[in-house]
Amino acid sequence: MVIAHSALPPGLRQRLGVLAQRLRRSRGASAVEYGLMIAFIMIAILGGLTSLGVTLRDDVFQQLITDLQTYLG
């Protein structure tokens, strides 16, 4: 059921307007909060991948090179 804006009593109309403003403001804050959470998650992922890359380079690939040198002579 849709109620025309002019059919609402003035006090209720004002309260609904205040509520709508609060909701708009909280949505904006939520978007910022989600953006910050995503940024921090990406920083953590990049840090983990960087650490993993260094470990792979230093341990796994170095062992592979050593094994290949031993095998090839």
PDB file of N, CA and C in Angstrom:
ATOM      1  N   MET A   1       0.849  -1.173   0.000  1.00  0.00           N
ATOM      2  CA  MET A   1       0.000   0.000   0.000  1.00  0.00           C
ATOM      3  C   MET A   1       0.894   1.236   0.000  1.00  0.00           C
ATOM      4  N   VAL A   2       0.662   2.137  -0.930  1.00  0.00           N
ATOM      5  CA  VAL A   2       1.439   3.369  -1.053  1.00  0.00           C
ATOM      6  C   VAL A   2       0.599   4.521  -0.533  1.00  0.00           C
ATOM      7  N   ILE A   3       1.198   5.322   0.345  1.00  0.00           N
ATOM      8  CA  ILE A   3       0.512   6.485   0.892  1.00  0.00           C
ATOM      9  C   ILE A   3       1.115   7.731   0.273  1.00  0.00           C
ATOM     10  N   ALA A   4       0.262   8.610  -0.214  1.00  0.00           N
ATOM     11  CA  ALA A   4       0.744   9.860  -0.799  1.00  0.00           C
ATOM     12  C   ALA A   4       1.434  10.687   0.276  1.00  0.00           C
ATOM     13  N   HIS A   5       2.491  11.373  -0.103  1.00  0.00           N
ATOM     14  CA  HIS A   5       3.274  12.176   0.838  1.00  0.00           C
ATOM     15  C   HIS A   5       2.403  13.234   1.515  1.00  0.00           C
ATOM     16  N   SER A   6       1.496  13.832   0.779  1.00  0.00           N
ATOM     17  CA  SER A   6       0.661  14.895   1.347  1.00  0.00           C
ATOM     18  C   SER A   6      -0.397  14.340   2.307  1.00  0.00           C
ATOM     19  N   ALA A   7      -0.664  13.026   2.268  1.00  0.00           N
ATOM     20  CA  ALA A   7      -1.666  12.442   3.144  1.00  0.00           C
ATOM     21  C   ALA A   7      -1.123  12.199   4.555  1.00  0.00           C
ATOM     22  N   LEU A   8       0.179  12.311   4.736  1.00  0.00           N
ATOM     23  CA  LEU A   8       0.772  12.080   6.049  1.00  0.00           C
ATOM     24  C   LEU A   8       0.617  13.304   6.930  1.00  0.00           C
ATOM     25  N   PRO A   9       0.406  13.112   8.215  1.00  0.00           N
ATOM     26  CA  PRO A   9       0.354  14.256   9.136  1.00  0.00           C
ATOM     27  C   PRO A   9       1.721  14.952   9.165  1.00  0.00           C
ATOM     28  N   PRO A  10       1.744  16.261   9.392  1.00  0.00           N
ATOM     29  CA  PRO A  10       3.009  17.004   9.355  1.00  0.00           C
ATOM     30  C   PRO A  10       4.065  16.481  10.333  1.00  0.00           C
ATOM     31  N   GLY A  11       3.673  16.100  11.536  1.00  0.00           N
ATOM     32  CA  GLY A  11       4.648  15.584  12.502  1.00  0.00           C
ATOM     33  C   GLY A  11       5.293  14.288  12.038  1.00  0.00           C
ATOM     34  N   LEU A  12       4.483  13.404  11.478  1.00  0.00           N
ATOM     35  CA  LEU A  12       4.987  12.133  10.975  1.00  0.00           C
ATOM     36  C   LEU A  12       5.865  12.356   9.754  1.00  0.00           C
ATOM     37  N   ARG A  13       5.455  13.293   8.905  1.00  0.00           N
ATOM     38  CA  ARG A  13       6.238  13.617   7.711  1.00  0.00           C
ATOM     39  C   ARG A  13       7.639  14.096   8.117  1.00  0.00           C
ATOM     40  N   GLN A  14       7.697  14.936   9.152  1.00  0.00           N
ATOM     41  CA  GLN A  14       8.985  15.457   9.622  1.00  0.00           C
ATOM     42  C   GLN A  14       9.837  14.326  10.208  1.00  0.00           C
ATOM     43  N   ARG A  15       9.239  13.453  11.000  1.00  0.00           N
ATOM     44  CA  ARG A  15       9.986  12.333  11.588  1.00  0.00           C
ATOM     45  C   ARG A  15      10.511  11.391  10.520  1.00  0.00           C
ATOM     46  N   LEU A  16       9.701  11.125   9.512  1.00  0.00           N
ATOM     47  CA  LEU A  16      10.145  10.269   8.415  1.00  0.00           C
ATOM     48  C   LEU A  16      11.294  10.926   7.648  1.00  0.00           C
ATOM     49  N   GLY A  17      11.224  12.244   7.503  1.00  0.00           N
ATOM     50  CA  GLY A  17      12.310  12.962   6.839  1.00  0.00           C
ATOM     51  C   GLY A  17      13.611  12.849   7.620  1.00  0.00           C
ATOM     52  N   VAL A  18      13.544  12.992   8.945  1.00  0.00           N
ATOM     53  CA  VAL A  18      14.729  12.860   9.796  1.00  0.00           C
ATOM     54  C   VAL A  18      15.276  11.440   9.719  1.00  0.00           C
ATOM     55  N   LEU A  19      14.383  10.446   9.765  1.00  0.00           N
ATOM     56  CA  LEU A  19      14.798   9.055   9.668  1.00  0.00           C
ATOM     57  C   LEU A  19      15.480   8.782   8.322  1.00  0.00           C
ATOM     58  N   ALA A  20      14.920   9.318   7.242  1.00  0.00           N
ATOM     59  CA  ALA A  20      15.507   9.130   5.923  1.00  0.00           C
ATOM     60  C   ALA A  20      16.903   9.748   5.850  1.00  0.00           C
ATOM     61  N   GLN A  21      17.093  10.911   6.458  1.00  0.00           N
ATOM     62  CA  GLN A  21      18.416  11.543   6.470  1.00  0.00           C
ATOM     63  C   GLN A  21      19.414  10.683   7.238  1.00  0.00           C
ATOM     64  N   ARG A  22      19.004  10.146   8.366  1.00  0.00           N
ATOM     65  CA  ARG A  22      19.902   9.284   9.144  1.00  0.00           C
ATOM     66  C   ARG A  22      20.284   8.044   8.363  1.00  0.00           C
ATOM     67  N   LEU A  23      19.324   7.457   7.675  1.00  0.00           N
ATOM     68  CA  LEU A  23      19.625   6.272   6.874  1.00  0.00           C
ATOM     69  C   LEU A  23      20.599   6.592   5.749  1.00  0.00           C
ATOM     70  N   ARG A  24      20.399   7.729   5.102  1.00  0.00           N
ATOM     71  CA  ARG A  24      21.319   8.126   4.034  1.00  0.00           C
ATOM     72  C   ARG A  24      22.724   8.301   4.572  1.00  0.00           C
ATOM     73  N   ARG A  25      22.846   8.947   5.732  1.00  0.00           N
ATOM     74  CA  ARG A  25      24.167   9.162   6.325  1.00  0.00           C
ATOM     75  C   ARG A  25      24.799   7.843   6.744  1.00  0.00           C
ATOM     76  N   SER A  26      24.025   6.929   7.293  1.00  0.00           N
ATOM     77  CA  SER A  26      24.603   5.659   7.745  1.00  0.00           C
ATOM     78  C   SER A  26      25.011   4.794   6.563  1.00  0.00           C
ATOM     79  N   ARG A  27      24.317   4.892   5.460  1.00  0.00           N
ATOM     80  CA  ARG A  27      24.721   4.137   4.273  1.00  0.00           C
ATOM     81  C   ARG A  27      26.063   4.626   3.773  1.00  0.00           C
ATOM     82  N   GLY A  28      26.267   5.929   3.781  1.00  0.00           N
ATOM     83  CA  GLY A  28      27.553   6.472   3.357  1.00  0.00           C
ATOM     84  C   GLY A  28      28.671   6.014   4.268  1.00  0.00           C
ATOM     85  N   ALA A  29      28.424   6.013   5.565  1.00  0.00           N
ATOM     86  CA  ALA A  29      29.435   5.550   6.514  1.00  0.00           C
ATOM     87  C   ALA A  29      29.705   4.066   6.313  1.00  0.00           C
ATOM     88  N   SER A  30      28.681   3.304   6.051  1.00  0.00           N
ATOM     89  CA  SER A  30      28.863   1.871   5.835  1.00  0.00           C
ATOM     90  C   SER A  30      29.718   1.625   4.603  1.00  0.00           C
ATOM     91  N   ALA A  31      29.502   2.388   3.549  1.00  0.00           N
ATOM     92  CA  ALA A  31      30.292   2.226   2.342  1.00  0.00           C
ATOM     93  C   ALA A  31      31.759   2.530   2.620  1.00  0.00           C
ATOM     94  N   VAL A  32      32.006   3.569   3.395  1.00  0.00           N
ATOM     95  CA  VAL A  32      33.387   3.909   3.753  1.00  0.00           C
ATOM     96  C   VAL A  32      33.988   2.794   4.601  1.00  0.00           C
ATOM     97  N   GLU A  33      33.232   2.293   5.548  1.00  0.00           N
ATOM     98  CA  GLU A  33      33.731   1.209   6.400  1.00  0.00           C
ATOM     99  C   GLU A  33      34.034  -0.035   5.582  1.00  0.00           C
ATOM    100  N   TYR A  34      33.159  -0.386   4.651  1.00  0.00           N
ATOM    101  CA  TYR A  34      33.421  -1.543   3.801  1.00  0.00           C
ATOM    102  C   TYR A  34      34.662  -1.307   2.946  1.00  0.00           C
ATOM    103  N   GLY A  35      34.816  -0.108   2.446  1.00  0.00           N
ATOM    104  CA  GLY A  35      36.004   0.218   1.652  1.00  0.00           C
ATOM    105  C   GLY A  35      37.282   0.065   2.459  1.00  0.00           C
ATOM    106  N   LEU A  36      37.264   0.531   3.708  1.00  0.00           N
ATOM    107  CA  LEU A  36      38.445   0.387   4.565  1.00  0.00           C
ATOM    108  C   LEU A  36      38.725  -1.077   4.885  1.00  0.00           C
ATOM    109  N   MET A  37      37.672  -1.853   5.144  1.00  0.00           N
ATOM    110  CA  MET A  37      37.880  -3.272   5.423  1.00  0.00           C
ATOM    111  C   MET A  37      38.496  -3.972   4.222  1.00  0.00           C
ATOM    112  N   ILE A  38      38.006  -3.667   3.036  1.00  0.00           N
ATOM    113  CA  ILE A  38      38.552  -4.283   1.825  1.00  0.00           C
ATOM    114  C   ILE A  38      40.003  -3.876   1.635  1.00  0.00           C
ATOM    115  N   ALA A  39      40.322  -2.614   1.898  1.00  0.00           N
ATOM    116  CA  ALA A  39      41.701  -2.149   1.761  1.00  0.00           C
ATOM    117  C   ALA A  39      42.620  -2.889   2.731  1.00  0.00           C
ATOM    118  N   PHE A  40      42.201  -3.041   3.981  1.00  0.00           N
ATOM    119  CA  PHE A  40      43.036  -3.756   4.958  1.00  0.00           C
ATOM    120  C   PHE A  40      43.180  -5.233   4.596  1.00  0.00           C
ATOM    121  N   ILE A  41      42.126  -5.833   4.098  1.00  0.00           N
ATOM    122  CA  ILE A  41      42.204  -7.232   3.676  1.00  0.00           C
ATOM    123  C   ILE A  41      43.177  -7.380   2.511  1.00  0.00           C
ATOM    124  N   MET A  42      43.125  -6.459   1.561  1.00  0.00           N
ATOM    125  CA  MET A  42      44.044  -6.514   0.419  1.00  0.00           C
ATOM    126  C   MET A  42      45.491  -6.330   0.866  1.00  0.00           C
ATOM    127  N   ILE A  43      45.729  -5.447   1.824  1.00  0.00           N
ATOM    128  CA  ILE A  43      47.086  -5.255   2.345  1.00  0.00           C
ATOM    129  C   ILE A  43      47.580  -6.550   2.992  1.00  0.00           C
ATOM    130  N   ALA A  44      46.712  -7.209   3.754  1.00  0.00           N
ATOM    131  CA  ALA A  44      47.095  -8.472   4.387  1.00  0.00           C
ATOM    132  C   ALA A  44      47.380  -9.547   3.344  1.00  0.00           C
ATOM    133  N   ILE A  45      46.546  -9.614   2.310  1.00  0.00           N
ATOM    134  CA  ILE A  45      46.758 -10.605   1.243  1.00  0.00           C
ATOM    135  C   ILE A  45      48.071 -10.334   0.525  1.00  0.00           C
ATOM    136  N   LEU A  46      48.323  -9.072   0.181  1.00  0.00           N
ATOM    137  CA  LEU A  46      49.571  -8.742  -0.509  1.00  0.00           C
ATOM    138  C   LEU A  46      50.786  -9.050   0.353  1.00  0.00           C
ATOM    139  N   GLY A  47      50.692  -8.762   1.650  1.00  0.00           N
ATOM    140  CA  GLY A  47      51.795  -9.098   2.544  1.00  0.00           C
ATOM    141  C   GLY A  47      52.043 -10.600   2.602  1.00  0.00           C
ATOM    142  N   GLY A  48      50.974 -11.360   2.673  1.00  0.00           N
ATOM    143  CA  GLY A  48      51.102 -12.820   2.691  1.00  0.00           C
ATOM    144  C   GLY A  48      51.671 -13.365   1.399  1.00  0.00           C
ATOM    145  N   LEU A  49      51.210 -12.845   0.268  1.00  0.00           N
ATOM    146  CA  LEU A  49      51.728 -13.306  -1.019  1.00  0.00           C
ATOM    147  C   LEU A  49      53.188 -12.921  -1.199  1.00  0.00           C
ATOM    148  N   THR A  50      53.558 -11.749  -0.727  1.00  0.00           N
ATOM    149  CA  THR A  50      54.955 -11.333  -0.819  1.00  0.00           C
ATOM    150  C   THR A  50      55.832 -12.269   0.003  1.00  0.00           C
ATOM    151  N   SER A  51      55.388 -12.569   1.209  1.00  0.00           N
ATOM    152  CA  SER A  51      56.139 -13.483   2.073  1.00  0.00           C
ATOM    153  C   SER A  51      56.227 -14.868   1.434  1.00  0.00           C
ATOM    154  N   LEU A  52      55.136 -15.336   0.858  1.00  0.00           N
ATOM    155  CA  LEU A  52      55.120 -16.630   0.198  1.00  0.00           C
ATOM    156  C   LEU A  52      56.065 -16.633  -1.000  1.00  0.00           C
ATOM    157  N   GLY A  53      56.070 -15.541  -1.762  1.00  0.00           N
ATOM    158  CA  GLY A  53      56.958 -15.444  -2.915  1.00  0.00           C
ATOM    159  C   GLY A  53      58.421 -15.503  -2.516  1.00  0.00           C
ATOM    160  N   VAL A  54      58.790 -14.826  -1.444  1.00  0.00           N
ATOM    161  CA  VAL A  54      60.174 -14.853  -0.957  1.00  0.00           C
ATOM    162  C   VAL A  54      60.532 -16.260  -0.505  1.00  0.00           C
ATOM    163  N   THR A  55      59.606 -16.917   0.195  1.00  0.00           N
ATOM    164  CA  THR A  55      59.854 -18.289   0.655  1.00  0.00           C
ATOM    165  C   THR A  55      60.030 -19.223  -0.532  1.00  0.00           C
ATOM    166  N   LEU A  56      59.174 -19.089  -1.533  1.00  0.00           N
ATOM    167  CA  LEU A  56      59.302 -19.932  -2.718  1.00  0.00           C
ATOM    168  C   LEU A  56      60.635 -19.704  -3.405  1.00  0.00           C
ATOM    169  N   ARG A  57      60.999 -18.450  -3.548  1.00  0.00           N
ATOM    170  CA  ARG A  57      62.251 -18.123  -4.219  1.00  0.00           C
ATOM    171  C   ARG A  57      63.447 -18.673  -3.444  1.00  0.00           C
ATOM    172  N   ASP A  58      63.446 -18.457  -2.152  1.00  0.00           N
ATOM    173  CA  ASP A  58      64.606 -18.830  -1.349  1.00  0.00           C
ATOM    174  C   ASP A  58      64.695 -20.334  -1.086  1.00  0.00           C
ATOM    175  N   ASP A  59      63.585 -20.983  -0.882  1.00  0.00           N
ATOM    176  CA  ASP A  59      63.621 -22.391  -0.488  1.00  0.00           C
ATOM    177  C   ASP A  59      63.356 -23.332  -1.663  1.00  0.00           C
ATOM    178  N   VAL A  60      62.201 -23.233  -2.238  1.00  0.00           N
ATOM    179  CA  VAL A  60      61.771 -24.196  -3.242  1.00  0.00           C
ATOM    180  C   VAL A  60      62.597 -24.075  -4.510  1.00  0.00           C
ATOM    181  N   PHE A  61      62.703 -22.884  -5.077  1.00  0.00           N
ATOM    182  CA  PHE A  61      63.432 -22.738  -6.329  1.00  0.00           C
ATOM    183  C   PHE A  61      64.928 -22.960  -6.142  1.00  0.00           C
ATOM    184  N   GLN A  62      65.461 -22.558  -5.002  1.00  0.00           N
ATOM    185  CA  GLN A  62      66.877 -22.801  -4.742  1.00  0.00           C
ATOM    186  C   GLN A  62      67.147 -24.304  -4.656  1.00  0.00           C
ATOM    187  N   GLN A  63      66.254 -25.046  -4.016  1.00  0.00           N
ATOM    188  CA  GLN A  63      66.406 -26.506  -3.942  1.00  0.00           C
ATOM    189  C   GLN A  63      66.285 -27.121  -5.333  1.00  0.00           C
ATOM    190  N   LEU A  64      65.393 -26.613  -6.143  1.00  0.00           N
ATOM    191  CA  LEU A  64      65.230 -27.104  -7.509  1.00  0.00           C
ATOM    192  C   LEU A  64      66.502 -26.871  -8.316  1.00  0.00           C
ATOM    193  N   ILE A  65      67.091 -25.689  -8.196  1.00  0.00           N
ATOM    194  CA  ILE A  65      68.329 -25.392  -8.916  1.00  0.00           C
ATOM    195  C   ILE A  65      69.452 -26.312  -8.445  1.00  0.00           C
ATOM    196  N   THR A  66      69.546 -26.514  -7.145  1.00  0.00           N
ATOM    197  CA  THR A  66      70.575 -27.398  -6.600  1.00  0.00           C
ATOM    198  C   THR A  66      70.384 -28.822  -7.112  1.00  0.00           C
ATOM    199  N   ASP A  67      69.156 -29.319  -7.118  1.00  0.00           N
ATOM    200  CA  ASP A  67      68.888 -30.675  -7.607  1.00  0.00           C
ATOM    201  C   ASP A  67      69.204 -30.802  -9.095  1.00  0.00           C
ATOM    202  N   LEU A  68      68.851 -29.787  -9.874  1.00  0.00           N
ATOM    203  CA  LEU A  68      69.144 -29.819 -11.300  1.00  0.00           C
ATOM    204  C   LEU A  68      70.661 -29.791 -11.563  1.00  0.00           C
ATOM    205  N   GLN A  69      71.384 -28.985 -10.817  1.00  0.00           N
ATOM    206  CA  GLN A  69      72.844 -28.947 -10.983  1.00  0.00           C
ATOM    207  C   GLN A  69      73.471 -30.286 -10.619  1.00  0.00           C
ATOM    208  N   THR A  70      72.963 -30.920  -9.583  1.00  0.00           N
ATOM    209  CA  THR A  70      73.471 -32.221  -9.172  1.00  0.00           C
ATOM    210  C   THR A  70      73.148 -33.276 -10.243  1.00  0.00           C
ATOM    211  N   TYR A  71      71.951 -33.239 -10.780  1.00  0.00           N
ATOM    212  CA  TYR A  71      71.505 -34.209 -11.773  1.00  0.00           C
ATOM    213  C   TYR A  71      72.275 -34.026 -13.083  1.00  0.00           C
ATOM    214  N   LEU A  72      72.469 -32.769 -13.503  1.00  0.00           N
ATOM    215  CA  LEU A  72      73.114 -32.510 -14.785  1.00  0.00           C
ATOM    216  C   LEU A  72      74.636 -32.606 -14.688  1.00  0.00           C
ATOM    217  N   GLY A  73      75.135 -32.586 -13.531  1.00  0.00           N
ATOM    218  CA  GLY A  73      76.509 -32.907 -13.404  1.00  0.00           C
ATOM    219  C   GLY A  73      77.502 -31.990 -12.998  1.00  0.00           C
TER     220      GLY A  73
END
